[in-house]
């Protein structure tokens, strides 16, 4: 009983800390958070948005962010998971609907932690990066969309 109480207290403290850190953008619409969103993963961007590369054919619609396999991937903003499965060319993918036509796509993962219908909080762990989808370099494929149109992540992330 004492141990379960401690674990519960730790969870409560962590939840409050995460909530406090996300207060700035979590309660606001995604459009109001432009330029203030956290990165989904720490790593180096391997491509430029809008530029086609033969080594990464899907890369012009988002970023490839290099990171070791198993790195934490977090939601950039709160929303609902609308896809969580394998997608040809993208590997294991999670897509989060942030409302008002905004979607974020996280691909090339080695593991997915949420299912369709789940709510993702801002900066919540949603996946682990990997090399799925036939990619040879470990990392994350990240894309933002508004009404289906790709957006440059550089303009949205901190």
Protein backbone atom coordinates (compact mmCIF):
# COMPACT_ATOMS: atom_id res chain seq x y z
CA UNK A 1 0.00 0.00 0.00
CA UNK A 2 2.78 2.44 0.87
CA UNK A 3 4.59 1.67 -2.37
CA UNK A 4 1.46 2.16 -4.47
CA UNK A 5 0.87 5.48 -2.70
CA UNK A 6 4.40 6.62 -3.58
CA UNK A 7 4.01 5.59 -7.20
CA UNK A 8 0.69 7.46 -7.31
CA UNK A 9 2.33 10.56 -5.81
CA UNK A 10 5.18 10.42 -8.32
CA UNK A 11 2.69 10.14 -11.18
CA UNK A 12 0.70 13.08 -9.83
CA UNK A 13 3.83 15.24 -9.48
CA UNK A 14 5.00 14.32 -12.99
CA UNK A 15 1.56 15.01 -14.45
CA UNK A 16 1.45 18.43 -12.79
CA UNK A 17 4.96 19.27 -14.05
CA UNK A 18 4.07 18.27 -17.61
CA UNK A 19 0.82 20.23 -17.45
CA UNK A 20 2.62 23.32 -16.15
CA UNK A 21 5.24 23.09 -18.92
CA UNK A 22 2.52 22.81 -21.57
CA UNK A 23 0.23 25.55 -20.26
CA UNK A 24 1.66 28.11 -22.69
CA UNK A 25 0.38 26.36 -25.85
CA UNK A 26 -1.68 23.35 -24.78
CA UNK A 27 -4.89 25.25 -24.11
CA UNK A 28 -4.68 27.33 -27.26
CA UNK A 29 -5.61 26.40 -30.81
CA UNK A 30 -2.72 25.08 -32.89
CA UNK A 31 -2.79 28.16 -35.14
CA UNK A 32 -2.02 30.35 -32.11
CA UNK A 33 1.03 28.22 -31.22
CA UNK A 34 2.95 28.90 -34.45
CA UNK A 35 6.65 29.23 -33.67
CA UNK A 36 6.16 28.00 -30.09
CA UNK A 37 5.69 24.25 -30.54
CA UNK A 38 8.24 21.81 -29.11
CA UNK A 39 10.29 19.58 -31.38
CA UNK A 40 8.92 16.04 -31.61
CA UNK A 41 12.41 14.63 -31.15
CA UNK A 42 15.92 15.89 -30.43
CA UNK A 43 18.12 15.48 -33.48
CA UNK A 44 19.59 16.99 -36.63
CA UNK A 45 17.37 17.77 -39.63
CA UNK A 46 18.71 15.85 -42.65
CA UNK A 47 16.77 17.61 -45.40
CA UNK A 48 15.22 20.90 -46.41
CA UNK A 49 11.44 21.19 -46.57
CA UNK A 50 10.15 21.34 -50.14
CA UNK A 51 13.33 19.93 -51.70
CA UNK A 52 13.11 16.45 -53.24
CA UNK A 53 15.95 14.07 -52.42
CA UNK A 54 16.51 10.73 -54.14
CA UNK A 55 17.68 9.10 -50.89
CA UNK A 56 14.46 10.19 -49.11
CA UNK A 57 11.67 10.44 -51.71
CA UNK A 58 8.97 11.51 -49.22
CA UNK A 59 11.11 14.12 -47.52
CA UNK A 60 9.98 17.22 -49.45
CA UNK A 61 6.70 17.29 -47.46
CA UNK A 62 8.35 17.28 -44.05
CA UNK A 63 11.60 16.77 -42.17
CA UNK A 64 13.79 13.77 -41.59
CA UNK A 65 15.29 14.18 -38.13
CA UNK A 66 18.27 11.92 -37.37
CA UNK A 67 18.23 10.24 -33.96
CA UNK A 68 19.28 6.91 -32.48
CA UNK A 69 16.77 4.08 -32.74
CA UNK A 70 14.48 4.04 -29.72
CA UNK A 71 14.61 7.81 -29.11
CA UNK A 72 11.50 9.36 -27.55
CA UNK A 73 9.01 10.92 -29.96
CA UNK A 74 6.52 13.35 -28.39
CA UNK A 75 3.34 15.04 -29.63
CA UNK A 76 3.97 18.67 -30.55
CA UNK A 77 0.48 19.73 -29.43
CA UNK A 78 -2.55 18.07 -27.91
CA UNK A 79 -5.01 16.22 -30.09
CA UNK A 80 -6.59 12.91 -31.01
CA UNK A 81 -4.81 10.01 -32.68
CA UNK A 82 -6.49 9.34 -36.05
CA UNK A 83 -3.95 6.84 -37.42
CA UNK A 84 -1.55 4.46 -35.68
CA UNK A 85 -0.28 1.69 -37.94
CA UNK A 86 2.04 0.77 -40.79
CA UNK A 87 1.89 3.04 -43.87
CA UNK A 88 3.78 2.07 -47.03
CA UNK A 89 6.85 4.26 -47.48
CA UNK A 90 6.51 5.81 -44.03
CA UNK A 91 6.82 2.72 -41.81
CA UNK A 92 5.13 2.79 -38.42
CA UNK A 93 3.19 6.06 -38.27
CA UNK A 94 1.10 8.03 -35.79
CA UNK A 95 -1.05 10.90 -37.04
CA UNK A 96 -2.49 13.34 -34.50
CA UNK A 97 -5.45 15.59 -35.35
CA UNK A 98 -5.03 18.91 -33.52
CA UNK A 99 -8.33 20.40 -34.69
CA UNK A 100 -9.07 23.17 -37.20
CA UNK A 101 -7.61 21.06 -40.01
CA UNK A 102 -4.13 20.68 -38.43
CA UNK A 103 -2.46 17.26 -38.43
CA UNK A 104 1.01 16.14 -37.38
CA UNK A 105 2.53 12.97 -38.81
CA UNK A 106 5.31 11.01 -37.11
CA UNK A 107 6.79 8.24 -39.28
CA UNK A 108 9.64 5.75 -39.51
CA UNK A 109 9.10 4.65 -35.88
CA UNK A 110 10.13 1.36 -34.30
CA UNK A 111 7.25 1.40 -31.78
CA UNK A 112 3.89 3.19 -31.45
CA UNK A 113 2.45 3.85 -27.97
CA UNK A 114 -1.03 5.17 -28.75
CA UNK A 115 -3.98 3.80 -30.71
CA UNK A 116 -6.63 5.38 -32.92
CA UNK A 117 -9.06 7.33 -30.71
CA UNK A 118 -6.54 7.98 -27.92
CA UNK A 119 -5.96 11.54 -26.76
CA UNK A 120 -2.38 12.78 -26.98
CA UNK A 121 -1.33 15.57 -24.63
CA UNK A 122 1.25 18.13 -25.73
CA UNK A 123 4.74 16.65 -25.25
CA UNK A 124 3.34 13.21 -24.39
CA UNK A 125 5.49 10.24 -25.42
CA UNK A 126 3.75 8.72 -28.47
CA UNK A 127 6.40 6.62 -30.22
CA UNK A 128 10.05 5.53 -30.43
CA UNK A 129 12.07 6.50 -33.48
CA UNK A 130 13.49 3.88 -35.79
CA UNK A 131 14.16 2.84 -39.38
CA UNK A 132 10.81 1.35 -40.40
CA UNK A 133 9.43 1.88 -43.88
CA UNK A 134 12.61 0.78 -45.66
CA UNK A 135 14.76 3.62 -44.38
CA UNK A 136 18.44 2.96 -43.79
CA UNK A 137 19.05 5.84 -41.39
CA UNK A 138 17.50 5.90 -37.92
CA UNK A 139 15.35 8.87 -37.02
CA UNK A 140 11.90 10.35 -37.44
CA UNK A 141 9.98 11.54 -40.47
CA UNK A 142 7.92 14.54 -39.25
CA UNK A 143 5.30 16.41 -41.24
CA UNK A 144 2.71 19.07 -40.45
CA UNK A 145 -0.44 19.55 -42.50
CA UNK A 146 -3.22 22.12 -42.57
CA UNK A 147 -6.27 21.08 -44.60
CA UNK A 148 -4.01 18.43 -46.18
CA UNK A 149 -1.39 20.94 -47.34
CA UNK A 150 2.19 20.37 -46.07
CA UNK A 151 3.55 23.11 -43.78
CA UNK A 152 7.22 23.93 -43.19
CA UNK A 153 8.02 22.71 -39.64
CA UNK A 154 10.68 25.45 -39.31
CA UNK A 155 7.92 28.06 -39.06
CA UNK A 156 6.03 26.15 -36.36
CA UNK A 157 8.62 24.68 -33.99
CA UNK A 158 10.68 26.56 -31.40
